[in-house]
């Protein structure tokens, strides 16, 4: 990927995580990267093209990071804490999860972007499910219902708690809430 395109994506991701999708404009990117808006349109003719690329990139980069966590040595509860730590780090840096931020503006996305977003969420839930399956197998987690539903609940809990903690309580509130939930499942 060429440097200008990568810079555009990096700046757009940062802006979306900090101010939201609909508050971010090509002018903001232009000012930050130091290029004309026309150059951004050359790489991403429509904002939807930019969003689609960001979601694909997120699915790979965060997906790989989550995958390394769930495949690492250690107990399932420890892995859940590590996954929560990724969201906590985002909160520390005043950056909300890109998937959560874009999801908040779902009604302004095109159908293609919605499908990519849905796929990204499913991919994340599938990865999180690995830790929950491990927890059942090793006897360190106990919960009712399906593994995938519990993994989905945990992922969406992290998204919502990150948003709420940004507005009230900060990192300490986020940490207490995630620990309370993980402790409920821990045997």
N, C-alpha and C. Protein backbone atom coordinates (compact mmCIF):
# COMPACT_ATOMS: atom_id res chain seq x y z
N UNK A 1 0.87 -1.17 0.00
CA UNK A 1 0.00 0.00 0.00
C UNK A 1 0.91 1.23 0.00
N UNK A 2 0.58 2.22 -0.82
CA UNK A 2 1.49 3.37 -0.89
C UNK A 2 1.38 4.24 0.36
N UNK A 3 2.42 5.04 0.58
CA UNK A 3 2.52 5.83 1.81
C UNK A 3 1.36 6.81 2.00
N UNK A 4 0.96 7.49 0.92
CA UNK A 4 -0.13 8.47 1.04
C UNK A 4 -1.42 7.78 1.44
N UNK A 5 -1.71 6.67 0.80
CA UNK A 5 -2.93 5.92 1.12
C UNK A 5 -2.91 5.46 2.58
N UNK A 6 -1.77 4.95 3.03
CA UNK A 6 -1.64 4.50 4.41
C UNK A 6 -1.81 5.67 5.38
N UNK A 7 -1.21 6.81 5.08
CA UNK A 7 -1.35 7.99 5.94
C UNK A 7 -2.80 8.42 6.02
N UNK A 8 -3.49 8.40 4.89
CA UNK A 8 -4.91 8.77 4.87
C UNK A 8 -5.70 7.84 5.78
N UNK A 9 -5.46 6.54 5.65
CA UNK A 9 -6.17 5.56 6.48
C UNK A 9 -5.83 5.73 7.96
N UNK A 10 -4.56 5.95 8.26
CA UNK A 10 -4.15 6.13 9.66
C UNK A 10 -4.83 7.35 10.28
N UNK A 11 -4.82 8.46 9.55
CA UNK A 11 -5.42 9.70 10.07
C UNK A 11 -6.93 9.53 10.19
N UNK A 12 -7.56 8.93 9.18
CA UNK A 12 -9.01 8.74 9.22
C UNK A 12 -9.40 7.85 10.40
N UNK A 13 -8.67 6.77 10.62
CA UNK A 13 -8.96 5.88 11.74
C UNK A 13 -8.85 6.63 13.06
N UNK A 14 -7.78 7.38 13.22
CA UNK A 14 -7.58 8.16 14.45
C UNK A 14 -8.73 9.15 14.65
N UNK A 15 -9.10 9.86 13.61
CA UNK A 15 -10.18 10.85 13.73
C UNK A 15 -11.51 10.19 14.07
N UNK A 16 -11.82 9.10 13.39
CA UNK A 16 -13.09 8.41 13.65
C UNK A 16 -13.13 7.91 15.09
N UNK A 17 -12.02 7.36 15.57
CA UNK A 17 -11.98 6.85 16.94
C UNK A 17 -12.11 7.97 17.97
N UNK A 18 -11.66 9.14 17.62
CA UNK A 18 -11.70 10.26 18.56
C UNK A 18 -12.99 11.08 18.48
N UNK A 19 -13.50 11.33 17.24
CA UNK A 19 -14.65 12.24 17.10
C UNK A 19 -15.88 11.60 16.47
N UNK A 20 -15.72 10.40 15.91
CA UNK A 20 -16.85 9.73 15.27
C UNK A 20 -16.81 9.86 13.76
N UNK A 21 -17.49 8.95 13.11
CA UNK A 21 -17.48 8.88 11.65
C UNK A 21 -18.06 10.14 11.02
N UNK A 22 -19.23 10.54 11.47
CA UNK A 22 -19.90 11.66 10.81
C UNK A 22 -19.30 13.01 11.16
N UNK A 23 -18.49 13.09 12.21
CA UNK A 23 -17.81 14.34 12.55
C UNK A 23 -16.49 14.48 11.80
N UNK A 24 -15.99 13.38 11.24
CA UNK A 24 -14.75 13.38 10.49
C UNK A 24 -15.04 13.75 9.04
N UNK A 25 -14.21 14.61 8.48
CA UNK A 25 -14.39 15.00 7.08
C UNK A 25 -13.09 14.84 6.31
N UNK A 26 -13.21 14.87 4.99
CA UNK A 26 -12.01 14.83 4.15
C UNK A 26 -11.15 16.06 4.39
N UNK A 27 -11.76 17.17 4.79
CA UNK A 27 -10.98 18.37 5.10
C UNK A 27 -10.09 18.13 6.32
N UNK A 28 -10.64 17.44 7.32
CA UNK A 28 -9.84 17.10 8.50
C UNK A 28 -8.64 16.24 8.10
N UNK A 29 -8.89 15.26 7.25
CA UNK A 29 -7.80 14.38 6.79
C UNK A 29 -6.79 15.19 6.00
N UNK A 30 -7.28 16.01 5.10
CA UNK A 30 -6.42 16.85 4.27
C UNK A 30 -5.50 17.71 5.13
N UNK A 31 -6.07 18.35 6.14
CA UNK A 31 -5.28 19.20 7.03
C UNK A 31 -4.23 18.40 7.79
N UNK A 32 -4.59 17.22 8.25
CA UNK A 32 -3.67 16.41 9.04
C UNK A 32 -2.55 15.78 8.21
N UNK A 33 -2.90 15.31 7.02
CA UNK A 33 -1.91 14.65 6.17
C UNK A 33 -1.08 15.68 5.39
N UNK A 34 -1.67 16.85 5.14
CA UNK A 34 -0.97 17.87 4.37
C UNK A 34 -1.08 17.68 2.87
N UNK A 35 -2.24 17.18 2.45
CA UNK A 35 -2.50 17.00 1.02
C UNK A 35 -3.84 17.65 0.69
N UNK A 36 -4.09 17.81 -0.60
CA UNK A 36 -5.37 18.39 -1.03
C UNK A 36 -6.48 17.34 -0.90
N UNK A 37 -7.71 17.82 -0.71
CA UNK A 37 -8.85 16.91 -0.63
C UNK A 37 -8.96 16.08 -1.90
N UNK A 38 -8.60 16.66 -3.04
CA UNK A 38 -8.67 15.93 -4.31
C UNK A 38 -7.79 14.68 -4.27
N UNK A 39 -6.67 14.76 -3.57
CA UNK A 39 -5.78 13.59 -3.44
C UNK A 39 -6.46 12.48 -2.65
N UNK A 40 -7.22 12.86 -1.64
CA UNK A 40 -7.94 11.86 -0.85
C UNK A 40 -9.00 11.21 -1.72
N UNK A 41 -9.72 12.03 -2.49
CA UNK A 41 -10.75 11.50 -3.39
C UNK A 41 -10.15 10.58 -4.46
N UNK A 42 -8.91 10.82 -4.82
CA UNK A 42 -8.24 9.95 -5.78
C UNK A 42 -8.14 8.53 -5.21
N UNK A 43 -7.78 8.43 -3.94
CA UNK A 43 -7.63 7.12 -3.29
C UNK A 43 -8.97 6.55 -2.82
N UNK A 44 -9.84 7.43 -2.36
CA UNK A 44 -11.14 7.01 -1.81
C UNK A 44 -12.20 7.96 -2.36
N UNK A 45 -12.76 7.65 -3.53
CA UNK A 45 -13.71 8.57 -4.18
C UNK A 45 -14.88 8.99 -3.28
N UNK A 46 -15.36 8.04 -2.46
CA UNK A 46 -16.46 8.35 -1.54
C UNK A 46 -16.04 7.96 -0.13
N UNK A 47 -16.67 8.59 0.84
CA UNK A 47 -16.38 8.27 2.24
C UNK A 47 -16.64 6.79 2.52
N UNK A 48 -17.62 6.24 1.84
CA UNK A 48 -17.94 4.83 2.01
C UNK A 48 -16.75 3.95 1.62
N UNK A 49 -16.03 4.33 0.56
CA UNK A 49 -14.84 3.57 0.17
C UNK A 49 -13.79 3.58 1.28
N UNK A 50 -13.64 4.72 1.91
CA UNK A 50 -12.70 4.87 3.02
C UNK A 50 -13.13 4.01 4.20
N UNK A 51 -14.40 4.07 4.55
CA UNK A 51 -14.93 3.27 5.66
C UNK A 51 -14.74 1.78 5.39
N UNK A 52 -15.04 1.35 4.17
CA UNK A 52 -14.89 -0.06 3.83
C UNK A 52 -13.45 -0.52 4.02
N UNK A 53 -12.50 0.29 3.56
CA UNK A 53 -11.09 -0.08 3.69
C UNK A 53 -10.66 -0.09 5.15
N UNK A 54 -11.14 0.87 5.93
CA UNK A 54 -10.82 0.90 7.35
C UNK A 54 -11.35 -0.34 8.07
N UNK A 55 -12.57 -0.74 7.75
CA UNK A 55 -13.14 -1.93 8.38
C UNK A 55 -12.37 -3.18 8.01
N UNK A 56 -11.99 -3.30 6.74
CA UNK A 56 -11.21 -4.47 6.31
C UNK A 56 -9.86 -4.50 7.04
N UNK A 57 -9.24 -3.35 7.12
CA UNK A 57 -7.94 -3.25 7.79
C UNK A 57 -8.09 -3.57 9.28
N UNK A 58 -9.15 -3.09 9.89
CA UNK A 58 -9.42 -3.35 11.30
C UNK A 58 -9.62 -4.85 11.54
N UNK A 59 -10.37 -5.48 10.65
CA UNK A 59 -10.64 -6.91 10.81
C UNK A 59 -9.33 -7.70 10.81
N UNK A 60 -8.39 -7.29 9.97
CA UNK A 60 -7.11 -7.98 9.91
C UNK A 60 -6.23 -7.62 11.11
N UNK A 61 -6.02 -6.34 11.35
CA UNK A 61 -5.07 -5.94 12.40
C UNK A 61 -5.56 -6.32 13.80
N UNK A 62 -6.78 -5.94 14.14
CA UNK A 62 -7.29 -6.30 15.46
C UNK A 62 -7.60 -7.79 15.53
N UNK A 63 -8.08 -8.34 14.43
CA UNK A 63 -8.34 -9.78 14.40
C UNK A 63 -7.08 -10.58 14.69
N UNK A 64 -5.97 -10.17 14.08
CA UNK A 64 -4.70 -10.85 14.34
C UNK A 64 -4.28 -10.69 15.81
N UNK A 65 -4.47 -9.49 16.34
CA UNK A 65 -4.12 -9.24 17.74
C UNK A 65 -4.97 -10.09 18.68
N UNK A 66 -6.28 -10.11 18.44
CA UNK A 66 -7.18 -10.93 19.27
C UNK A 66 -6.83 -12.42 19.12
N UNK A 67 -6.53 -12.83 17.91
CA UNK A 67 -6.19 -14.23 17.65
C UNK A 67 -4.94 -14.64 18.44
N UNK A 68 -3.94 -13.78 18.46
CA UNK A 68 -2.73 -14.08 19.23
C UNK A 68 -3.04 -14.23 20.71
N UNK A 69 -3.96 -13.41 21.20
CA UNK A 69 -4.33 -13.51 22.62
C UNK A 69 -5.01 -14.85 22.90
N UNK A 70 -6.00 -15.22 22.10
CA UNK A 70 -6.75 -16.45 22.39
C UNK A 70 -5.93 -17.71 22.12
N UNK A 71 -4.90 -17.60 21.29
CA UNK A 71 -4.05 -18.76 21.01
C UNK A 71 -2.84 -18.84 21.93
N UNK A 72 -2.64 -17.84 22.77
CA UNK A 72 -1.49 -17.82 23.66
C UNK A 72 -1.70 -18.80 24.82
N UNK A 73 -0.62 -19.03 25.57
CA UNK A 73 -0.71 -19.87 26.75
C UNK A 73 -1.47 -19.11 27.83
N UNK A 74 -2.09 -19.84 28.70
CA UNK A 74 -2.79 -19.20 29.81
C UNK A 74 -4.23 -19.65 29.89
N UNK A 75 -4.85 -19.27 30.98
CA UNK A 75 -6.24 -19.67 31.23
C UNK A 75 -7.20 -18.79 30.44
N UNK A 76 -8.39 -19.29 30.25
CA UNK A 76 -9.43 -18.53 29.54
C UNK A 76 -9.77 -17.22 30.25
N UNK A 77 -9.95 -17.20 31.59
CA UNK A 77 -10.22 -15.91 32.23
C UNK A 77 -9.08 -14.90 32.01
N UNK A 78 -7.86 -15.38 32.01
CA UNK A 78 -6.73 -14.50 31.73
C UNK A 78 -6.80 -13.93 30.33
N UNK A 79 -7.21 -14.75 29.38
CA UNK A 79 -7.35 -14.29 28.00
C UNK A 79 -8.47 -13.26 27.87
N UNK A 80 -9.57 -13.47 28.59
CA UNK A 80 -10.65 -12.48 28.57
C UNK A 80 -10.16 -11.15 29.13
N UNK A 81 -9.34 -11.22 30.16
CA UNK A 81 -8.78 -9.98 30.73
C UNK A 81 -7.84 -9.30 29.73
N UNK A 82 -7.10 -10.09 28.98
CA UNK A 82 -6.22 -9.52 27.96
C UNK A 82 -7.03 -8.87 26.84
N UNK A 83 -8.11 -9.52 26.43
CA UNK A 83 -8.98 -8.94 25.40
C UNK A 83 -9.58 -7.63 25.90
N UNK A 84 -10.03 -7.63 27.15
CA UNK A 84 -10.56 -6.39 27.73
C UNK A 84 -9.47 -5.33 27.79
N UNK A 85 -8.23 -5.75 28.00
CA UNK A 85 -7.12 -4.82 28.05
C UNK A 85 -6.90 -4.06 26.75
N UNK A 86 -7.23 -4.67 25.63
CA UNK A 86 -7.12 -3.98 24.34
C UNK A 86 -8.08 -2.78 24.33
N UNK A 87 -9.29 -2.98 24.82
CA UNK A 87 -10.27 -1.90 24.89
C UNK A 87 -9.88 -0.87 25.94
N UNK A 88 -9.31 -1.34 27.03
CA UNK A 88 -8.84 -0.42 28.07
C UNK A 88 -7.72 0.48 27.52
N UNK A 89 -6.82 -0.10 26.75
CA UNK A 89 -5.75 0.69 26.14
C UNK A 89 -6.32 1.76 25.21
N UNK A 90 -7.33 1.39 24.45
CA UNK A 90 -7.99 2.37 23.59
C UNK A 90 -8.57 3.51 24.40
N UNK A 91 -9.20 3.17 25.50
CA UNK A 91 -9.78 4.18 26.39
C UNK A 91 -8.69 5.10 26.95
N UNK A 92 -7.58 4.51 27.36
CA UNK A 92 -6.46 5.31 27.88
C UNK A 92 -5.98 6.33 26.84
N UNK A 93 -6.01 5.93 25.58
CA UNK A 93 -5.56 6.79 24.48
C UNK A 93 -6.66 7.65 23.88
N UNK A 94 -7.83 7.65 24.54
CA UNK A 94 -8.98 8.43 24.06
C UNK A 94 -9.41 8.00 22.66
N UNK A 95 -9.30 6.70 22.38
CA UNK A 95 -9.69 6.15 21.09
C UNK A 95 -10.68 5.02 21.32
N UNK A 96 -11.89 5.22 20.87
CA UNK A 96 -12.89 4.17 20.97
C UNK A 96 -12.65 3.12 19.89
N UNK A 97 -13.16 1.94 20.11
CA UNK A 97 -13.07 0.87 19.12
C UNK A 97 -13.66 1.36 17.80
N UNK A 98 -12.93 1.15 16.71
CA UNK A 98 -13.38 1.61 15.40
C UNK A 98 -14.72 0.97 15.02
N UNK A 99 -14.86 -0.31 15.29
CA UNK A 99 -16.11 -1.01 14.97
C UNK A 99 -17.28 -0.41 15.75
N UNK A 100 -17.07 -0.13 17.02
CA UNK A 100 -18.12 0.47 17.83
C UNK A 100 -18.47 1.87 17.36
N UNK A 101 -17.46 2.65 17.02
CA UNK A 101 -17.69 4.02 16.57
C UNK A 101 -18.45 4.04 15.25
N UNK A 102 -18.04 3.19 14.32
CA UNK A 102 -18.73 3.13 13.02
C UNK A 102 -20.13 2.57 13.20
N UNK A 103 -20.30 1.59 14.09
CA UNK A 103 -21.62 1.02 14.35
C UNK A 103 -22.60 2.08 14.83
N UNK A 104 -22.11 3.05 15.58
CA UNK A 104 -22.98 4.12 16.09
C UNK A 104 -23.57 4.95 14.96
N UNK A 105 -22.91 4.97 13.83
CA UNK A 105 -23.39 5.73 12.67
C UNK A 105 -23.94 4.81 11.58
N UNK A 106 -24.41 3.66 11.98
CA UNK A 106 -24.88 2.64 11.03
C UNK A 106 -25.90 3.17 10.03
N UNK A 107 -26.84 3.98 10.50
CA UNK A 107 -27.91 4.44 9.61
C UNK A 107 -27.41 5.39 8.52
N UNK A 108 -26.15 5.80 8.56
CA UNK A 108 -25.61 6.65 7.50
C UNK A 108 -24.70 5.87 6.55
N UNK A 109 -24.55 4.56 6.78
CA UNK A 109 -23.68 3.73 5.95
C UNK A 109 -24.45 3.13 4.79
N UNK A 110 -23.74 2.87 3.72
CA UNK A 110 -24.32 2.15 2.59
C UNK A 110 -24.41 0.67 2.89
N UNK A 111 -25.16 -0.05 2.06
CA UNK A 111 -25.35 -1.48 2.28
C UNK A 111 -24.04 -2.26 2.29
N UNK A 112 -23.12 -1.91 1.40
CA UNK A 112 -21.84 -2.60 1.35
C UNK A 112 -21.06 -2.44 2.64
N UNK A 113 -21.03 -1.23 3.16
CA UNK A 113 -20.32 -0.97 4.42
C UNK A 113 -20.98 -1.72 5.57
N UNK A 114 -22.30 -1.78 5.56
CA UNK A 114 -23.02 -2.51 6.62
C UNK A 114 -22.65 -3.98 6.61
N UNK A 115 -22.52 -4.55 5.42
CA UNK A 115 -22.15 -5.97 5.32
C UNK A 115 -20.73 -6.21 5.81
N UNK A 116 -19.82 -5.31 5.48
CA UNK A 116 -18.44 -5.45 5.95
C UNK A 116 -18.40 -5.30 7.47
N UNK A 117 -19.16 -4.35 8.00
CA UNK A 117 -19.22 -4.15 9.44
C UNK A 117 -19.76 -5.40 10.13
N UNK A 118 -20.83 -5.95 9.60
CA UNK A 118 -21.41 -7.17 10.16
C UNK A 118 -20.40 -8.32 10.13
N UNK A 119 -19.68 -8.46 9.02
CA UNK A 119 -18.67 -9.50 8.90
C UNK A 119 -17.53 -9.30 9.89
N UNK A 120 -17.14 -8.05 10.09
CA UNK A 120 -16.07 -7.73 11.04
C UNK A 120 -16.49 -8.10 12.46
N UNK A 121 -17.73 -7.78 12.81
CA UNK A 121 -18.24 -8.13 14.14
C UNK A 121 -18.28 -9.65 14.30
N UNK A 122 -18.78 -10.36 13.30
CA UNK A 122 -18.85 -11.82 13.38
C UNK A 122 -17.46 -12.43 13.50
N UNK A 123 -16.51 -11.89 12.76
CA UNK A 123 -15.13 -12.37 12.83
C UNK A 123 -14.58 -12.21 14.25
N UNK A 124 -14.85 -11.07 14.85
CA UNK A 124 -14.39 -10.81 16.21
C UNK A 124 -15.05 -11.77 17.20
N UNK A 125 -16.35 -11.96 17.08
CA UNK A 125 -17.07 -12.87 17.96
C UNK A 125 -16.52 -14.29 17.82
N UNK A 126 -16.23 -14.70 16.59
CA UNK A 126 -15.66 -16.03 16.37
C UNK A 126 -14.33 -16.19 17.11
N UNK A 127 -13.51 -15.15 17.08
CA UNK A 127 -12.23 -15.21 17.77
C UNK A 127 -12.44 -15.25 19.28
N UNK A 128 -13.29 -14.38 19.79
CA UNK A 128 -13.57 -14.36 21.23
C UNK A 128 -14.14 -15.70 21.69
N UNK A 129 -14.89 -16.37 20.83
CA UNK A 129 -15.49 -17.67 21.18
C UNK A 129 -14.45 -18.70 21.56
N UNK A 130 -13.26 -18.59 20.96
CA UNK A 130 -12.19 -19.54 21.25
C UNK A 130 -11.86 -19.53 22.75
N UNK A 131 -11.78 -18.36 23.34
CA UNK A 131 -11.48 -18.27 24.77
C UNK A 131 -12.60 -18.86 25.62
N UNK A 132 -13.84 -18.63 25.21
CA UNK A 132 -14.97 -19.18 25.97
C UNK A 132 -15.04 -20.70 25.85
N UNK A 133 -14.74 -21.24 24.65
CA UNK A 133 -14.70 -22.70 24.49
C UNK A 133 -13.61 -23.29 25.37
N UNK A 134 -12.45 -22.63 25.39
CA UNK A 134 -11.35 -23.10 26.23
C UNK A 134 -11.78 -23.11 27.69
N UNK A 135 -12.44 -22.05 28.12
CA UNK A 135 -12.87 -21.95 29.51
C UNK A 135 -13.80 -23.06 29.92
N UNK A 136 -14.72 -23.43 29.02
CA UNK A 136 -15.61 -24.56 29.32
C UNK A 136 -14.82 -25.86 29.39
N UNK A 137 -13.91 -26.05 28.43
CA UNK A 137 -13.14 -27.29 28.37
C UNK A 137 -12.23 -27.46 29.59
N UNK A 138 -11.62 -26.38 30.04
CA UNK A 138 -10.71 -26.49 31.17
C UNK A 138 -11.40 -26.29 32.52
N UNK A 139 -12.69 -25.93 32.48
CA UNK A 139 -13.46 -25.76 33.71
C UNK A 139 -13.18 -24.45 34.45
N UNK A 140 -12.64 -23.45 33.76
CA UNK A 140 -12.35 -22.16 34.41
C UNK A 140 -13.44 -21.13 34.19
N UNK A 141 -14.38 -21.42 33.27
CA UNK A 141 -15.51 -20.53 33.02
C UNK A 141 -16.80 -21.33 33.09
N UNK A 142 -17.83 -20.67 33.59
CA UNK A 142 -19.15 -21.29 33.64
C UNK A 142 -20.18 -20.24 33.24
N UNK A 143 -21.01 -20.59 32.29
CA UNK A 143 -22.07 -19.69 31.84
C UNK A 143 -23.16 -20.52 31.18
N UNK A 144 -24.35 -19.98 31.12
CA UNK A 144 -25.44 -20.69 30.45
C UNK A 144 -25.56 -20.13 29.03
N UNK A 145 -26.13 -20.89 28.18
CA UNK A 145 -26.30 -20.44 26.81
C UNK A 145 -25.16 -20.89 25.91
N UNK A 146 -25.23 -20.43 24.68
CA UNK A 146 -24.25 -20.83 23.67
C UNK A 146 -22.95 -20.02 23.81
N UNK A 147 -21.87 -20.64 23.42
CA UNK A 147 -20.56 -20.00 23.45
C UNK A 147 -20.58 -18.72 22.62
N UNK A 148 -21.09 -18.82 21.40
CA UNK A 148 -21.08 -17.65 20.51
C UNK A 148 -21.90 -16.50 21.09
N UNK A 149 -23.03 -16.82 21.71
CA UNK A 149 -23.85 -15.76 22.32
C UNK A 149 -23.11 -15.09 23.47
N UNK A 150 -22.39 -15.87 24.25
CA UNK A 150 -21.63 -15.31 25.37
C UNK A 150 -20.47 -14.47 24.85
N UNK A 151 -19.80 -14.94 23.81
CA UNK A 151 -18.71 -14.17 23.21
C UNK A 151 -19.23 -12.85 22.64
N UNK A 152 -20.40 -12.91 22.01
CA UNK A 152 -21.03 -11.70 21.49
C UNK A 152 -21.38 -10.73 22.62
N UNK A 153 -21.91 -11.28 23.70
CA UNK A 153 -22.25 -10.45 24.86
C UNK A 153 -21.01 -9.77 25.43
N UNK A 154 -19.90 -10.51 25.49
CA UNK A 154 -18.67 -9.94 26.02
C UNK A 154 -18.13 -8.84 25.11
N UNK A 155 -18.13 -9.11 23.81
CA UNK A 155 -17.65 -8.10 22.85
C UNK A 155 -18.49 -6.83 22.93
N UNK A 156 -19.80 -6.97 22.92
CA UNK A 156 -20.65 -5.78 22.96
C UNK A 156 -20.59 -5.10 24.32
N UNK A 157 -20.39 -5.87 25.37
CA UNK A 157 -20.17 -5.28 26.69
C UNK A 157 -18.93 -4.39 26.66
N UNK A 158 -17.84 -4.88 26.07
CA UNK A 158 -16.60 -4.10 25.99
C UNK A 158 -16.82 -2.81 25.20
N UNK A 159 -17.55 -2.92 24.09
CA UNK A 159 -17.84 -1.72 23.28
C UNK A 159 -18.62 -0.69 24.09
N UNK A 160 -19.70 -1.13 24.69
CA UNK A 160 -20.55 -0.21 25.44
C UNK A 160 -19.88 0.35 26.69
N UNK A 161 -19.13 -0.50 27.37
CA UNK A 161 -18.46 -0.06 28.59
C UNK A 161 -17.34 0.93 28.26
N UNK A 162 -16.68 0.73 27.14
CA UNK A 162 -15.65 1.67 26.72
C UNK A 162 -16.26 3.04 26.46
N UNK A 163 -17.40 3.07 25.81
CA UNK A 163 -18.09 4.34 25.53
C UNK A 163 -18.54 5.00 26.83
N UNK A 164 -19.18 4.22 27.69
CA UNK A 164 -19.68 4.77 28.95
C UNK A 164 -18.54 5.26 29.84
N UNK A 165 -17.46 4.49 29.92
CA UNK A 165 -16.33 4.88 30.77
C UNK A 165 -15.63 6.13 30.24
N UNK A 166 -15.71 6.34 28.95
CA UNK A 166 -15.14 7.57 28.38
C UNK A 166 -15.88 8.79 28.92
N UNK A 167 -17.17 8.63 29.10
CA UNK A 167 -18.00 9.74 29.59
C UNK A 167 -18.07 9.80 31.12
N UNK A 168 -17.90 8.62 31.77
CA UNK A 168 -18.05 8.60 33.23
C UNK A 168 -17.18 7.50 33.84
N UNK A 169 -16.24 7.89 34.62
CA UNK A 169 -15.47 6.93 35.40
C UNK A 169 -14.12 6.56 34.85
N UNK A 170 -13.90 6.71 33.57
CA UNK A 170 -12.60 6.46 32.97
C UNK A 170 -12.13 5.03 33.06
N UNK A 171 -10.81 4.89 33.00
CA UNK A 171 -10.17 3.58 32.95
C UNK A 171 -10.49 2.76 34.20
N UNK A 172 -10.51 3.38 35.36
CA UNK A 172 -10.79 2.62 36.59
C UNK A 172 -12.19 2.03 36.57
N UNK A 173 -13.16 2.78 36.11
CA UNK A 173 -14.53 2.26 36.01
C UNK A 173 -14.60 1.14 34.99
N UNK A 174 -13.92 1.31 33.87
CA UNK A 174 -13.88 0.26 32.85
C UNK A 174 -13.30 -1.02 33.43
N UNK A 175 -12.19 -0.90 34.11
CA UNK A 175 -11.51 -2.06 34.68
C UNK A 175 -12.40 -2.76 35.72
N UNK A 176 -13.04 -1.99 36.58
CA UNK A 176 -13.93 -2.59 37.60
C UNK A 176 -15.10 -3.32 36.94
N UNK A 177 -15.67 -2.71 35.92
CA UNK A 177 -16.82 -3.34 35.25
C UNK A 177 -16.42 -4.63 34.55
N UNK A 178 -15.30 -4.61 33.84
CA UNK A 178 -14.88 -5.82 33.13
C UNK A 178 -14.50 -6.92 34.13
N UNK A 179 -13.87 -6.54 35.21
CA UNK A 179 -13.51 -7.53 36.22
C UNK A 179 -14.77 -8.13 36.85
N UNK A 180 -15.77 -7.31 37.08
CA UNK A 180 -17.03 -7.81 37.66
C UNK A 180 -17.66 -8.84 36.74
N UNK A 181 -17.66 -8.57 35.43
CA UNK A 181 -18.29 -9.49 34.50
C UNK A 181 -17.48 -10.78 34.39
N UNK A 182 -16.19 -10.67 34.21
CA UNK A 182 -15.35 -11.87 34.07
C UNK A 182 -15.44 -12.72 35.33
N UNK A 183 -15.47 -12.09 36.48
CA UNK A 183 -15.58 -12.82 37.76
C UNK A 183 -16.88 -13.60 37.85
N UNK A 184 -17.94 -13.11 37.22
CA UNK A 184 -19.23 -13.82 37.21
C UNK A 184 -19.11 -15.16 36.47
N UNK A 185 -18.28 -15.20 35.46
CA UNK A 185 -18.11 -16.43 34.66
C UNK A 185 -17.03 -17.35 35.22
N UNK A 186 -16.14 -16.79 36.01
CA UNK A 186 -14.99 -17.54 36.48
C UNK A 186 -15.40 -18.55 37.56
N UNK A 187 -14.85 -19.76 37.45
CA UNK A 187 -15.15 -20.80 38.44
C UNK A 187 -14.01 -20.97 39.41
